[in-house]
Protein backbone atom coordinates (compact mmCIF):
# COMPACT_ATOMS: atom_id res chain seq x y z
CA MET A 1 43.30 5.45 20.89
CA GLN A 2 40.93 3.74 18.50
CA GLN A 3 38.30 5.90 16.85
CA SER A 4 34.84 4.49 16.20
CA ASP A 5 31.77 5.75 14.36
CA GLU A 6 29.52 4.25 17.02
CA LEU A 7 28.07 6.40 19.76
CA THR A 8 28.49 5.34 23.35
CA GLU A 9 26.90 6.55 26.52
CA THR A 10 28.53 6.28 29.94
CA VAL A 11 26.17 5.48 32.79
CA ASP A 12 27.63 4.79 36.24
CA GLY A 13 31.05 4.12 34.71
CA VAL A 14 29.75 1.56 32.19
CA ASP A 15 29.94 2.32 28.46
CA THR A 16 26.85 1.26 26.53
CA GLU A 17 26.49 1.41 22.78
CA ILE A 18 23.79 3.59 21.24
CA PRO A 19 22.64 2.13 17.91
CA SER A 20 22.92 4.49 14.98
CA SER A 21 20.68 4.71 11.94
CA ALA A 22 23.55 3.25 9.89
CA ASP A 23 23.07 -0.03 11.77
CA ASP A 24 19.46 -0.09 10.59
CA ASP A 25 18.10 -3.57 10.09
CA GLY A 26 14.63 -2.42 9.04
CA GLY A 27 13.29 -2.10 12.55
CA SER A 28 14.37 1.47 13.16
CA GLY A 29 15.09 4.50 11.08
CA ARG A 30 13.31 7.64 10.09
CA LEU A 31 9.83 6.16 10.36
CA GLY A 32 10.73 3.87 13.24
CA GLY A 33 10.06 0.66 11.34
CA ARG A 34 6.61 1.78 10.22
CA PHE A 35 7.36 1.66 6.50
CA SER A 36 8.70 -1.24 4.47
CA ALA A 37 9.59 -0.95 0.80
CA LYS A 38 9.23 -4.71 0.43
CA ALA A 39 5.69 -4.60 1.85
CA LEU A 40 4.86 -1.71 -0.50
CA LEU A 41 6.09 -3.71 -3.48
CA VAL A 42 4.08 -6.78 -2.44
CA SER A 43 1.02 -4.57 -1.93
CA LEU A 44 1.46 -2.87 -5.30
CA VAL A 45 1.73 -6.19 -7.13
CA SER A 46 -1.23 -7.76 -5.34
CA VAL A 47 -3.47 -4.70 -5.80
CA ALA A 48 -2.51 -4.51 -9.49
CA ILE A 49 -3.41 -8.20 -9.89
CA GLY A 50 -6.70 -7.60 -8.06
CA VAL A 51 -7.55 -4.65 -10.31
CA GLY A 52 -6.65 -6.65 -13.43
CA VAL A 53 -8.63 -9.73 -12.46
CA GLY A 54 -11.60 -7.73 -11.20
CA GLY A 55 -11.59 -5.51 -14.28
CA ALA A 56 -11.60 -8.55 -16.58
CA ILE A 57 -15.10 -9.53 -15.44
CA PRO A 58 -17.49 -8.65 -18.29
CA ILE A 59 -20.20 -6.01 -17.80
CA ILE A 60 -19.05 -4.96 -14.29
CA GLY A 61 -15.43 -4.18 -15.21
CA SER A 62 -15.09 -0.89 -13.29
CA ILE A 63 -16.89 -2.11 -10.20
CA GLY A 64 -15.07 -5.43 -10.47
CA SER A 65 -11.69 -3.68 -10.44
CA LEU A 66 -12.64 -1.86 -7.23
CA ALA A 67 -13.85 -5.13 -5.72
CA GLY A 68 -10.50 -6.62 -6.79
CA VAL A 69 -8.69 -4.02 -4.67
CA PHE A 70 -10.78 -4.99 -1.64
CA VAL A 71 -10.26 -8.73 -2.17
CA ALA A 72 -6.50 -8.39 -2.79
CA THR A 73 -5.93 -6.31 0.33
CA PHE A 74 -8.25 -8.56 2.36
CA ILE A 75 -6.07 -11.52 1.41
CA LEU A 76 -2.95 -9.50 2.28
CA GLY A 77 -4.46 -8.73 5.67
CA ILE A 78 -5.06 -12.42 6.30
CA LEU A 79 -1.60 -13.53 5.19
CA ALA A 80 0.56 -10.69 6.55
CA GLY A 81 2.20 -11.09 9.91
CA ASP A 82 2.26 -7.36 10.59
CA ALA A 83 -0.28 -4.63 10.04
CA ARG A 84 0.87 -2.72 6.96
CA TYR A 85 -1.80 -0.04 6.58
CA LEU A 86 0.53 2.64 5.22
CA GLU A 87 1.92 0.46 2.43
CA THR A 88 -1.46 -1.03 1.57
CA GLY A 89 -3.18 2.37 1.45
CA LEU A 90 -0.42 3.80 -0.74
CA ALA A 91 -0.56 0.83 -3.10
CA GLY A 92 -4.35 1.02 -3.42
CA GLY A 93 -4.25 4.75 -4.08
CA ILE A 94 -1.45 4.53 -6.64
CA VAL A 95 -2.85 1.61 -8.63
CA VAL A 96 -6.48 2.75 -8.69
CA GLY A 97 -5.52 6.38 -9.38
CA ILE A 98 -3.47 5.34 -12.40
CA ASN A 99 -6.23 2.94 -13.48
CA PHE A 100 -8.87 5.69 -13.31
CA ALA A 101 -6.72 8.16 -15.23
CA LEU A 102 -5.85 5.62 -17.93
CA SER A 103 -9.46 4.47 -18.24
CA LEU A 104 -10.28 7.88 -19.70
CA LEU A 105 -7.94 7.17 -22.61
CA THR A 106 -9.62 3.88 -23.53
CA SER A 107 -13.00 5.35 -24.35
CA ALA A 108 -14.72 4.32 -27.58
CA VAL A 109 -14.21 7.70 -29.21
CA LEU A 110 -10.57 8.60 -28.59
CA PRO A 111 -10.71 12.36 -29.42
CA ILE A 112 -13.50 12.84 -26.90
CA GLY A 113 -11.59 10.77 -24.36
CA ILE A 114 -8.43 12.84 -24.79
CA ASP A 115 -10.40 16.09 -24.45
CA PHE A 116 -12.11 14.77 -21.32
CA PHE A 117 -8.72 13.61 -19.99
CA GLN A 118 -7.23 17.07 -20.51
CA GLN A 119 -10.09 18.74 -18.67
CA TYR A 120 -10.86 16.30 -15.89
CA GLY A 121 -8.02 13.76 -15.81
CA LEU A 122 -6.38 15.03 -12.64
CA ALA A 123 -9.65 15.20 -10.70
CA PHE A 124 -10.70 11.78 -11.99
CA GLY A 125 -7.32 10.34 -11.03
CA GLY A 126 -7.63 11.97 -7.60
CA LEU A 127 -11.01 10.34 -7.11
CA GLY A 128 -9.36 7.01 -7.97
CA VAL A 129 -6.60 7.63 -5.42
CA VAL A 130 -9.11 8.31 -2.65
CA LEU A 131 -11.33 5.33 -3.57
CA GLY A 132 -8.35 3.00 -3.96
CA ALA A 133 -6.73 4.00 -0.69
CA GLY A 134 -10.03 3.74 1.17
CA LEU A 135 -10.90 0.32 -0.23
CA ALA A 136 -7.37 -0.95 0.39
CA LEU A 137 -7.42 0.18 4.01
CA VAL A 138 -10.87 -1.31 4.65
CA GLY A 139 -9.91 -4.59 2.96
CA HIS A 140 -6.67 -4.82 4.93
CA TYR A 141 -8.49 -4.02 8.17
CA PHE A 142 -11.09 -6.77 7.67
CA GLY A 143 -8.40 -9.26 6.65
CA ARG A 144 -6.40 -8.47 9.80
CA ASP A 145 -9.57 -8.74 11.89
CA LEU A 146 -10.36 -12.17 10.45
CA ARG A 147 -6.79 -13.31 11.06
CA ASP A 148 -6.99 -12.10 14.64
CA GLY A 149 -10.29 -13.91 15.17
CA LEU A 150 -8.98 -17.15 13.71
CA THR A 151 -5.72 -17.16 15.64
CA ARG A 152 -6.94 -15.95 19.05
CA GLU A 153 -7.13 -18.35 21.98
CA ILE A 154 -10.67 -19.10 23.12
């Protein structure tokens, strides 16, 4: 008798194999294929590039970095084959939250910036997380909507 780690189910005398989570090819698992680490990494890199490029615009650096999040996730929405709202929202929240918290440390007068960071850094970072996630989700949504409109049969 050969022992196997695979589960089988007998229906009307026919053995059928039940796939296990060990045979996971990315389509199933704990979140049922709703989360992809690769998509999160791509989203993190693209949002970080968007924040960097948008923040490099003189005079409107802070607003430009937020616009960079929208533009980066809009482009991701256009290019992505699947809707990846979870990964895009996480990436936007992480990058902008870190950016907001670190922006407190780059103030002109460093001792005041450190004091402000100690008092309000967590709340300021939390505001960045909410703004970043919201902008990333809206940007991804509009990118997906444009892709759908461009690829739909008339």
